[in-house]
Amino acid sequence: MVEVTPIIIDGYPFIAVSVKLPKTNLLAVASDKGYIMCGALDVALLNEKLRDRGIIAGRAVGVRTIEQLLEAPLESVTIAAEQLGIKPGMKGKDALLKMR
């Protein structure tokens, strides 16, 4: 099952996507500029092979819900995210606010 839900963080709109798969969930929350995602996100791939795209993204591991994704510290972020001031250890919702 796929759920797409609008969410508001500090008055700003974002889109949350949850894909329920056998034995796992894929979770992401996006703005027009970038996104945060669960551990399925391959930050190294985005930084190396897709670097020219300048993808703004962060990865949180061990999350099972959108709420957990928003509160979890980011484990890794892309180079383009770092250029916006997004750092590993930052809460997901705080990173999203820098992506608005």
PDB file of N, CA and C in Angstrom:
ATOM      1  N   MET A   1       0.831  -1.168   0.000  1.00  0.00           N
ATOM      2  CA  MET A   1       0.000   0.000   0.000  1.00  0.00           C
ATOM      3  C   MET A   1       0.887   1.247   0.000  1.00  0.00           C
ATOM      4  N   VAL A   2       0.453   2.253  -0.721  1.00  0.00           N
ATOM      5  CA  VAL A   2       1.172   3.522  -0.801  1.00  0.00           C
ATOM      6  C   VAL A   2       0.288   4.611  -0.198  1.00  0.00           C
ATOM      7  N   GLU A   3       0.861   5.381   0.728  1.00  0.00           N
ATOM      8  CA  GLU A   3       0.159   6.517   1.310  1.00  0.00           C
ATOM      9  C   GLU A   3       0.932   7.788   0.984  1.00  0.00           C
ATOM     10  N   VAL A   4       0.231   8.782   0.481  1.00  0.00           N
ATOM     11  CA  VAL A   4       0.807  10.098   0.220  1.00  0.00           C
ATOM     12  C   VAL A   4      -0.006  11.095   1.038  1.00  0.00           C
ATOM     13  N   THR A   5       0.678  11.777   1.954  1.00  0.00           N
ATOM     14  CA  THR A   5      -0.018  12.635   2.903  1.00  0.00           C
ATOM     15  C   THR A   5       0.662  13.995   2.979  1.00  0.00           C
ATOM     16  N   PRO A   6      -0.111  15.071   2.857  1.00  0.00           N
ATOM     17  CA  PRO A   6       0.491  16.380   3.098  1.00  0.00           C
ATOM     18  C   PRO A   6       0.713  16.560   4.604  1.00  0.00           C
ATOM     19  N   ILE A   7       1.840  17.147   4.989  1.00  0.00           N
ATOM     20  CA  ILE A   7       2.097  17.455   6.391  1.00  0.00           C
ATOM     21  C   ILE A   7       2.590  18.895   6.483  1.00  0.00           C
ATOM     22  N   ILE A   8       2.391  19.485   7.636  1.00  0.00           N
ATOM     23  CA  ILE A   8       2.820  20.862   7.890  1.00  0.00           C
ATOM     24  C   ILE A   8       3.845  20.831   9.016  1.00  0.00           C
ATOM     25  N   ILE A   9       4.986  21.467   8.797  1.00  0.00           N
ATOM     26  CA  ILE A   9       6.020  21.605   9.826  1.00  0.00           C
ATOM     27  C   ILE A   9       6.282  23.101   9.986  1.00  0.00           C
ATOM     28  N   ASP A  10       6.009  23.608  11.177  1.00  0.00           N
ATOM     29  CA  ASP A  10       6.193  25.036  11.468  1.00  0.00           C
ATOM     30  C   ASP A  10       5.530  25.922  10.409  1.00  0.00           C
ATOM     31  N   GLY A  11       4.368  25.503   9.938  1.00  0.00           N
ATOM     32  CA  GLY A  11       3.610  26.295   8.977  1.00  0.00           C
ATOM     33  C   GLY A  11       3.977  26.087   7.521  1.00  0.00           C
ATOM     34  N   TYR A  12       4.936  25.217   7.241  1.00  0.00           N
ATOM     35  CA  TYR A  12       5.375  24.970   5.868  1.00  0.00           C
ATOM     36  C   TYR A  12       4.909  23.595   5.389  1.00  0.00           C
ATOM     37  N   PRO A  13       4.434  23.500   4.138  1.00  0.00           N
ATOM     38  CA  PRO A  13       3.907  22.235   3.629  1.00  0.00           C
ATOM     39  C   PRO A  13       5.001  21.306   3.077  1.00  0.00           C
ATOM     40  N   PHE A  14       4.816  20.024   3.326  1.00  0.00           N
ATOM     41  CA  PHE A  14       5.677  18.968   2.814  1.00  0.00           C
ATOM     42  C   PHE A  14       4.787  17.794   2.414  1.00  0.00           C
ATOM     43  N   ILE A  15       5.340  16.855   1.673  1.00  0.00           N
ATOM     44  CA  ILE A  15       4.608  15.652   1.275  1.00  0.00           C
ATOM     45  C   ILE A  15       5.306  14.442   1.887  1.00  0.00           C
ATOM     46  N   ALA A  16       4.541  13.638   2.622  1.00  0.00           N
ATOM     47  CA  ALA A  16       5.049  12.402   3.220  1.00  0.00           C
ATOM     48  C   ALA A  16       4.580  11.225   2.374  1.00  0.00           C
ATOM     49  N   VAL A  17       5.501  10.310   2.093  1.00  0.00           N
ATOM     50  CA  VAL A  17       5.188   9.122   1.305  1.00  0.00           C
ATOM     51  C   VAL A  17       5.617   7.892   2.097  1.00  0.00           C
ATOM     52  N   SER A  18       4.702   6.961   2.240  1.00  0.00           N
ATOM     53  CA  SER A  18       4.983   5.699   2.927  1.00  0.00           C
ATOM     54  C   SER A  18       4.581   4.558   2.004  1.00  0.00           C
ATOM     55  N   VAL A  19       5.511   3.665   1.740  1.00  0.00           N
ATOM     56  CA  VAL A  19       5.241   2.494   0.891  1.00  0.00           C
ATOM     57  C   VAL A  19       5.428   1.258   1.752  1.00  0.00           C
ATOM     58  N   LYS A  20       4.339   0.542   1.969  1.00  0.00           N
ATOM     59  CA  LYS A  20       4.402  -0.673   2.780  1.00  0.00           C
ATOM     60  C   LYS A  20       4.740  -1.851   1.869  1.00  0.00           C
ATOM     61  N   LEU A  21       5.886  -2.450   2.111  1.00  0.00           N
ATOM     62  CA  LEU A  21       6.372  -3.597   1.343  1.00  0.00           C
ATOM     63  C   LEU A  21       6.490  -4.792   2.281  1.00  0.00           C
ATOM     64  N   PRO A  22       6.601  -6.001   1.748  1.00  0.00           N
ATOM     65  CA  PRO A  22       6.796  -7.143   2.629  1.00  0.00           C
ATOM     66  C   PRO A  22       8.032  -6.955   3.504  1.00  0.00           C
ATOM     67  N   LYS A  23       7.844  -7.017   4.795  1.00  0.00           N
ATOM     68  CA  LYS A  23       8.900  -6.971   5.804  1.00  0.00           C
ATOM     69  C   LYS A  23       9.645  -5.645   5.915  1.00  0.00           C
ATOM     70  N   THR A  24       9.156  -4.596   5.243  1.00  0.00           N
ATOM     71  CA  THR A  24       9.802  -3.279   5.373  1.00  0.00           C
ATOM     72  C   THR A  24       8.856  -2.179   4.923  1.00  0.00           C
ATOM     73  N   ASN A  25       9.188  -0.970   5.279  1.00  0.00           N
ATOM     74  CA  ASN A  25       8.480   0.223   4.806  1.00  0.00           C
ATOM     75  C   ASN A  25       9.503   1.169   4.198  1.00  0.00           C
ATOM     76  N   LEU A  26       9.132   1.806   3.113  1.00  0.00           N
ATOM     77  CA  LEU A  26       9.942   2.883   2.549  1.00  0.00           C
ATOM     78  C   LEU A  26       9.270   4.181   2.964  1.00  0.00           C
ATOM     79  N   LEU A  27      10.038   5.090   3.541  1.00  0.00           N
ATOM     80  CA  LEU A  27       9.496   6.343   4.060  1.00  0.00           C
ATOM     81  C   LEU A  27      10.267   7.515   3.491  1.00  0.00           C
ATOM     82  N   ALA A  28       9.537   8.567   3.120  1.00  0.00           N
ATOM     83  CA  ALA A  28      10.187   9.786   2.632  1.00  0.00           C
ATOM     84  C   ALA A  28       9.294  10.977   2.933  1.00  0.00           C
ATOM     85  N   VAL A  29       9.925  12.117   3.168  1.00  0.00           N
ATOM     86  CA  VAL A  29       9.207  13.391   3.290  1.00  0.00           C
ATOM     87  C   VAL A  29       9.953  14.376   2.398  1.00  0.00           C
ATOM     88  N   ALA A  30       9.197  15.072   1.543  1.00  0.00           N
ATOM     89  CA  ALA A  30       9.829  15.924   0.530  1.00  0.00           C
ATOM     90  C   ALA A  30       9.278  17.339   0.525  1.00  0.00           C
ATOM     91  N   SER A  31      10.148  18.244   0.096  1.00  0.00           N
ATOM     92  CA  SER A  31       9.771  19.615  -0.233  1.00  0.00           C
ATOM     93  C   SER A  31      10.008  19.769  -1.727  1.00  0.00           C
ATOM     94  N   ASP A  32       9.876  20.984  -2.215  1.00  0.00           N
ATOM     95  CA  ASP A  32      10.191  21.227  -3.629  1.00  0.00           C
ATOM     96  C   ASP A  32      11.682  21.140  -3.916  1.00  0.00           C
ATOM     97  N   LYS A  33      12.531  21.304  -2.872  1.00  0.00           N
ATOM     98  CA  LYS A  33      13.985  21.324  -3.053  1.00  0.00           C
ATOM     99  C   LYS A  33      14.675  20.003  -2.783  1.00  0.00           C
ATOM    100  N   GLY A  34      14.155  19.228  -1.824  1.00  0.00           N
ATOM    101  CA  GLY A  34      14.859  18.015  -1.414  1.00  0.00           C
ATOM    102  C   GLY A  34      13.992  17.116  -0.569  1.00  0.00           C
ATOM    103  N   TYR A  35      14.633  16.134   0.060  1.00  0.00           N
ATOM    104  CA  TYR A  35      13.863  15.162   0.837  1.00  0.00           C
ATOM    105  C   TYR A  35      14.733  14.467   1.873  1.00  0.00           C
ATOM    106  N   ILE A  36      14.035  13.877   2.852  1.00  0.00           N
ATOM    107  CA  ILE A  36      14.666  12.955   3.785  1.00  0.00           C
ATOM    108  C   ILE A  36      14.011  11.605   3.567  1.00  0.00           C
ATOM    109  N   MET A  37      14.761  10.560   3.872  1.00  0.00           N
ATOM    110  CA  MET A  37      14.249   9.217   3.606  1.00  0.00           C
ATOM    111  C   MET A  37      14.802   8.240   4.632  1.00  0.00           C
ATOM    112  N   CYS A  38      14.186   7.085   4.689  1.00  0.00           N
ATOM    113  CA  CYS A  38      14.631   6.014   5.579  1.00  0.00           C
ATOM    114  C   CYS A  38      15.968   5.440   5.090  1.00  0.00           C
ATOM    115  N   GLY A  39      16.428   4.405   5.747  1.00  0.00           N
ATOM    116  CA  GLY A  39      17.718   3.804   5.458  1.00  0.00           C
ATOM    117  C   GLY A  39      17.884   3.237   4.055  1.00  0.00           C
ATOM    118  N   ALA A  40      16.806   3.133   3.290  1.00  0.00           N
ATOM    119  CA  ALA A  40      16.908   2.627   1.920  1.00  0.00           C
ATOM    120  C   ALA A  40      17.609   3.614   0.983  1.00  0.00           C
ATOM    121  N   LEU A  41      17.727   4.861   1.400  1.00  0.00           N
ATOM    122  CA  LEU A  41      18.372   5.873   0.561  1.00  0.00           C
ATOM    123  C   LEU A  41      19.874   5.620   0.478  1.00  0.00           C
ATOM    124  N   ASP A  42      20.397   5.614  -0.722  1.00  0.00           N
ATOM    125  CA  ASP A  42      21.829   5.397  -0.945  1.00  0.00           C
ATOM    126  C   ASP A  42      22.516   6.750  -1.160  1.00  0.00           C
ATOM    127  N   VAL A  43      22.935   7.364  -0.061  1.00  0.00           N
ATOM    128  CA  VAL A  43      23.565   8.688  -0.123  1.00  0.00           C
ATOM    129  C   VAL A  43      24.864   8.634  -0.925  1.00  0.00           C
ATOM    130  N   ALA A  44      25.624   7.566  -0.784  1.00  0.00           N
ATOM    131  CA  ALA A  44      26.883   7.447  -1.534  1.00  0.00           C
ATOM    132  C   ALA A  44      26.618   7.482  -3.041  1.00  0.00           C
ATOM    133  N   LEU A  45      25.583   6.805  -3.492  1.00  0.00           N
ATOM    134  CA  LEU A  45      25.227   6.826  -4.914  1.00  0.00           C
ATOM    135  C   LEU A  45      24.893   8.244  -5.360  1.00  0.00           C
ATOM    136  N   LEU A  46      24.111   8.959  -4.547  1.00  0.00           N
ATOM    137  CA  LEU A  46      23.745  10.330  -4.906  1.00  0.00           C
ATOM    138  C   LEU A  46      24.970  11.236  -4.941  1.00  0.00           C
ATOM    139  N   ASN A  47      25.897  11.036  -4.019  1.00  0.00           N
ATOM    140  CA  ASN A  47      27.096  11.871  -3.958  1.00  0.00           C
ATOM    141  C   ASN A  47      28.116  11.526  -5.033  1.00  0.00           C
ATOM    142  N   GLU A  48      28.160  10.294  -5.443  1.00  0.00           N
ATOM    143  CA  GLU A  48      29.186   9.869  -6.399  1.00  0.00           C
ATOM    144  C   GLU A  48      28.665   9.840  -7.832  1.00  0.00           C
ATOM    145  N   LYS A  49      27.794   8.926  -8.122  1.00  0.00           N
ATOM    146  CA  LYS A  49      27.348   8.740  -9.506  1.00  0.00           C
ATOM    147  C   LYS A  49      26.370   9.808  -9.987  1.00  0.00           C
ATOM    148  N   LEU A  50      25.618  10.407  -9.055  1.00  0.00           N
ATOM    149  CA  LEU A  50      24.619  11.405  -9.452  1.00  0.00           C
ATOM    150  C   LEU A  50      24.975  12.804  -8.935  1.00  0.00           C
ATOM    151  N   ARG A  51      26.223  13.024  -8.593  1.00  0.00           N
ATOM    152  CA  ARG A  51      26.662  14.289  -7.999  1.00  0.00           C
ATOM    153  C   ARG A  51      26.288  15.502  -8.842  1.00  0.00           C
ATOM    154  N   ASP A  52      26.370  15.368 -10.160  1.00  0.00           N
ATOM    155  CA  ASP A  52      26.073  16.493 -11.045  1.00  0.00           C
ATOM    156  C   ASP A  52      24.620  16.962 -10.939  1.00  0.00           C
ATOM    157  N   ARG A  53      23.753  16.147 -10.374  1.00  0.00           N
ATOM    158  CA  ARG A  53      22.347  16.537 -10.214  1.00  0.00           C
ATOM    159  C   ARG A  53      22.119  17.432  -9.001  1.00  0.00           C
ATOM    160  N   GLY A  54      23.055  17.453  -8.072  1.00  0.00           N
ATOM    161  CA  GLY A  54      22.917  18.303  -6.889  1.00  0.00           C
ATOM    162  C   GLY A  54      21.715  17.950  -6.027  1.00  0.00           C
ATOM    163  N   ILE A  55      21.482  16.679  -5.818  1.00  0.00           N
ATOM    164  CA  ILE A  55      20.319  16.225  -5.056  1.00  0.00           C
ATOM    165  C   ILE A  55      20.487  16.554  -3.573  1.00  0.00           C
ATOM    166  N   ILE A  56      19.483  17.210  -3.026  1.00  0.00           N
ATOM    167  CA  ILE A  56      19.464  17.586  -1.611  1.00  0.00           C
ATOM    168  C   ILE A  56      18.676  16.513  -0.873  1.00  0.00           C
ATOM    169  N   ALA A  57      19.372  15.722  -0.051  1.00  0.00           N
ATOM    170  CA  ALA A  57      18.692  14.617   0.624  1.00  0.00           C
ATOM    171  C   ALA A  57      19.436  14.220   1.893  1.00  0.00           C
ATOM    172  N   GLY A  58      18.689  13.592   2.796  1.00  0.00           N
ATOM    173  CA  GLY A  58      19.263  13.067   4.025  1.00  0.00           C
ATOM    174  C   GLY A  58      18.666  11.715   4.345  1.00  0.00           C
ATOM    175  N   ARG A  59      19.430  10.915   5.084  1.00  0.00           N
ATOM    176  CA  ARG A  59      19.038   9.537   5.388  1.00  0.00           C
ATOM    177  C   ARG A  59      19.008   9.326   6.898  1.00  0.00           C
ATOM    178  N   ALA A  60      17.903   8.750   7.387  1.00  0.00           N
ATOM    179  CA  ALA A  60      17.782   8.355   8.791  1.00  0.00           C
ATOM    180  C   ALA A  60      17.583   6.844   8.830  1.00  0.00           C
ATOM    181  N   VAL A  61      18.255   6.181   9.730  1.00  0.00           N
ATOM    182  CA  VAL A  61      18.150   4.726   9.819  1.00  0.00           C
ATOM    183  C   VAL A  61      17.353   4.320  11.060  1.00  0.00           C
ATOM    184  N   GLY A  62      16.743   3.124  10.982  1.00  0.00           N
ATOM    185  CA  GLY A  62      16.014   2.575  12.113  1.00  0.00           C
ATOM    186  C   GLY A  62      14.643   3.179  12.336  1.00  0.00           C
ATOM    187  N   VAL A  63      14.091   3.839  11.331  1.00  0.00           N
ATOM    188  CA  VAL A  63      12.764   4.449  11.479  1.00  0.00           C
ATOM    189  C   VAL A  63      11.701   3.572  10.833  1.00  0.00           C
ATOM    190  N   ARG A  64      10.519   3.570  11.427  1.00  0.00           N
ATOM    191  CA  ARG A  64       9.427   2.738  10.912  1.00  0.00           C
ATOM    192  C   ARG A  64       8.171   3.524  10.586  1.00  0.00           C
ATOM    193  N   THR A  65       8.150   4.798  10.955  1.00  0.00           N
ATOM    194  CA  THR A  65       6.994   5.655  10.692  1.00  0.00           C
ATOM    195  C   THR A  65       7.473   7.023  10.226  1.00  0.00           C
ATOM    196  N   ILE A  66       6.575   7.769   9.624  1.00  0.00           N
ATOM    197  CA  ILE A  66       6.900   9.139   9.211  1.00  0.00           C
ATOM    198  C   ILE A  66       7.249   9.976  10.442  1.00  0.00           C
ATOM    199  N   GLU A  67       6.521   9.795  11.522  1.00  0.00           N
ATOM    200  CA  GLU A  67       6.788  10.555  12.751  1.00  0.00           C
ATOM    201  C   GLU A  67       8.210  10.290  13.245  1.00  0.00           C
ATOM    202  N   GLN A  68       8.636   9.042  13.211  1.00  0.00           N
ATOM    203  CA  GLN A  68      10.003   8.706  13.620  1.00  0.00           C
ATOM    204  C   GLN A  68      11.023   9.327  12.669  1.00  0.00           C
ATOM    205  N   LEU A  69      10.730   9.325  11.385  1.00  0.00           N
ATOM    206  CA  LEU A  69      11.627   9.921  10.400  1.00  0.00           C
ATOM    207  C   LEU A  69      11.827  11.417  10.678  1.00  0.00           C
ATOM    208  N   LEU A  70      10.773  12.095  11.054  1.00  0.00           N
ATOM    209  CA  LEU A  70      10.866  13.529  11.345  1.00  0.00           C
ATOM    210  C   LEU A  70      11.693  13.822  12.589  1.00  0.00           C
ATOM    211  N   GLU A  71      11.656  12.929  13.572  1.00  0.00           N
ATOM    212  CA  GLU A  71      12.352  13.144  14.845  1.00  0.00           C
ATOM    213  C   GLU A  71      13.753  12.539  14.882  1.00  0.00           C
ATOM    214  N   ALA A  72      14.040  11.614  13.993  1.00  0.00           N
ATOM    215  CA  ALA A  72      15.322  10.902  14.018  1.00  0.00           C
ATOM    216  C   ALA A  72      16.474  11.794  13.561  1.00  0.00           C
ATOM    217  N   PRO A  73      17.653  11.572  14.127  1.00  0.00           N
ATOM    218  CA  PRO A  73      18.833  12.275  13.613  1.00  0.00           C
ATOM    219  C   PRO A  73      19.231  11.686  12.260  1.00  0.00           C
ATOM    220  N   LEU A  74      19.627  12.535  11.349  1.00  0.00           N
ATOM    221  CA  LEU A  74      20.066  12.049  10.044  1.00  0.00           C
ATOM    222  C   LEU A  74      21.426  11.368  10.197  1.00  0.00           C
ATOM    223  N   GLU A  75      21.545  10.216   9.609  1.00  0.00           N
ATOM    224  CA  GLU A  75      22.780   9.431   9.666  1.00  0.00           C
ATOM    225  C   GLU A  75      23.775   9.912   8.621  1.00  0.00           C
ATOM    226  N   SER A  76      23.255  10.334   7.459  1.00  0.00           N
ATOM    227  CA  SER A  76      24.111  10.848   6.395  1.00  0.00           C
ATOM    228  C   SER A  76      23.302  11.810   5.528  1.00  0.00           C
ATOM    229  N   VAL A  77      24.015  12.697   4.850  1.00  0.00           N
ATOM    230  CA  VAL A  77      23.378  13.685   3.978  1.00  0.00           C
ATOM    231  C   VAL A  77      24.213  13.841   2.712  1.00  0.00           C
ATOM    232  N   THR A  78      23.591  14.344   1.674  1.00  0.00           N
ATOM    233  CA  THR A  78      24.322  14.563   0.425  1.00  0.00           C
ATOM    234  C   THR A  78      25.172  15.831   0.520  1.00  0.00           C
ATOM    235  N   ILE A  79      26.096  15.945  -0.406  1.00  0.00           N
ATOM    236  CA  ILE A  79      26.948  17.128  -0.489  1.00  0.00           C
ATOM    237  C   ILE A  79      26.094  18.379  -0.697  1.00  0.00           C
ATOM    238  N   ALA A  80      25.092  18.278  -1.555  1.00  0.00           N
ATOM    239  CA  ALA A  80      24.217  19.429  -1.811  1.00  0.00           C
ATOM    240  C   ALA A  80      23.443  19.818  -0.554  1.00  0.00           C
ATOM    241  N   ALA A  81      23.063  18.853   0.266  1.00  0.00           N
ATOM    242  CA  ALA A  81      22.380  19.156   1.536  1.00  0.00           C
ATOM    243  C   ALA A  81      23.327  19.875   2.489  1.00  0.00           C
ATOM    244  N   GLU A  82      24.564  19.416   2.547  1.00  0.00           N
ATOM    245  CA  GLU A  82      25.550  20.076   3.411  1.00  0.00           C
ATOM    246  C   GLU A  82      25.744  21.539   3.020  1.00  0.00           C
ATOM    247  N   GLN A  83      25.656  21.822   1.744  1.00  0.00           N
ATOM    248  CA  GLN A  83      25.818  23.197   1.268  1.00  0.00           C
ATOM    249  C   GLN A  83      24.681  24.101   1.747  1.00  0.00           C
ATOM    250  N   LEU A  84      23.550  23.505   2.148  1.00  0.00           N
ATOM    251  CA  LEU A  84      22.430  24.266   2.713  1.00  0.00           C
ATOM    252  C   LEU A  84      22.510  24.348   4.236  1.00  0.00           C
ATOM    253  N   GLY A  85      23.534  23.745   4.821  1.00  0.00           N
ATOM    254  CA  GLY A  85      23.671  23.749   6.267  1.00  0.00           C
ATOM    255  C   GLY A  85      23.065  22.547   6.951  1.00  0.00           C
ATOM    256  N   ILE A  86      22.705  21.532   6.190  1.00  0.00           N
ATOM    257  CA  ILE A  86      22.147  20.300   6.747  1.00  0.00           C
ATOM    258  C   ILE A  86      23.305  19.368   7.075  1.00  0.00           C
ATOM    259  N   LYS A  87      23.310  18.869   8.291  1.00  0.00           N
ATOM    260  CA  LYS A  87      24.430  18.054   8.769  1.00  0.00           C
ATOM    261  C   LYS A  87      23.940  16.729   9.336  1.00  0.00           C
ATOM    262  N   PRO A  88      24.768  15.676   9.282  1.00  0.00           N
ATOM    263  CA  PRO A  88      24.436  14.446   9.995  1.00  0.00           C
ATOM    264  C   PRO A  88      24.221  14.757  11.474  1.00  0.00           C
ATOM    265  N   GLY A  89      23.245  14.086  12.078  1.00  0.00           N
ATOM    266  CA  GLY A  89      22.898  14.320  13.471  1.00  0.00           C
ATOM    267  C   GLY A  89      21.735  15.287  13.636  1.00  0.00           C
ATOM    268  N   MET A  90      21.441  16.068  12.607  1.00  0.00           N
ATOM    269  CA  MET A  90      20.315  17.002  12.639  1.00  0.00           C
ATOM    270  C   MET A  90      19.010  16.206  12.563  1.00  0.00           C
ATOM    271  N   LYS A  91      17.993  16.640  13.294  1.00  0.00           N
ATOM    272  CA  LYS A  91      16.688  15.991  13.206  1.00  0.00           C
ATOM    273  C   LYS A  91      16.127  16.147  11.799  1.00  0.00           C
ATOM    274  N   GLY A  92      15.386  15.136  11.356  1.00  0.00           N
ATOM    275  CA  GLY A  92      14.799  15.165  10.030  1.00  0.00           C
ATOM    276  C   GLY A  92      13.946  16.394   9.771  1.00  0.00           C
ATOM    277  N   LYS A  93      13.099  16.764  10.733  1.00  0.00           N
ATOM    278  CA  LYS A  93      12.224  17.927  10.519  1.00  0.00           C
ATOM    279  C   LYS A  93      13.025  19.221  10.416  1.00  0.00           C
ATOM    280  N   ASP A  94      14.131  19.324  11.149  1.00  0.00           N
ATOM    281  CA  ASP A  94      14.966  20.523  11.062  1.00  0.00           C
ATOM    282  C   ASP A  94      15.655  20.610   9.696  1.00  0.00           C
ATOM    283  N   ALA A  95      16.064  19.464   9.167  1.00  0.00           N
ATOM    284  CA  ALA A  95      16.656  19.436   7.825  1.00  0.00           C
ATOM    285  C   ALA A  95      15.625  19.857   6.779  1.00  0.00           C
ATOM    286  N   LEU A  96      14.399  19.372   6.917  1.00  0.00           N
ATOM    287  CA  LEU A  96      13.356  19.729   5.965  1.00  0.00           C
ATOM    288  C   LEU A  96      13.097  21.230   5.961  1.00  0.00           C
ATOM    289  N   LEU A  97      13.143  21.853   7.123  1.00  0.00           N
ATOM    290  CA  LEU A  97      12.906  23.288   7.179  1.00  0.00           C
ATOM    291  C   LEU A  97      13.986  24.072   6.436  1.00  0.00           C
ATOM    292  N   LYS A  98      15.181  23.505   6.328  1.00  0.00           N
ATOM    293  CA  LYS A  98      16.242  24.150   5.540  1.00  0.00           C
ATOM    294  C   LYS A  98      16.044  23.902   4.038  1.00  0.00           C
ATOM    295  N   MET A  99      15.187  22.953   3.696  1.00  0.00           N
ATOM    296  CA  MET A  99      14.931  22.600   2.288  1.00  0.00           C
ATOM    297  C   MET A  99      13.709  23.316   1.714  1.00  0.00           C
ATOM    298  N   ARG A 100      13.095  24.184   2.451  1.00  0.00           N
ATOM    299  CA  ARG A 100      11.856  24.816   1.958  1.00  0.00           C
ATOM    300  C   ARG A 100      12.146  25.961   1.017  1.00  0.00           C
TER     301      ARG A 100
END
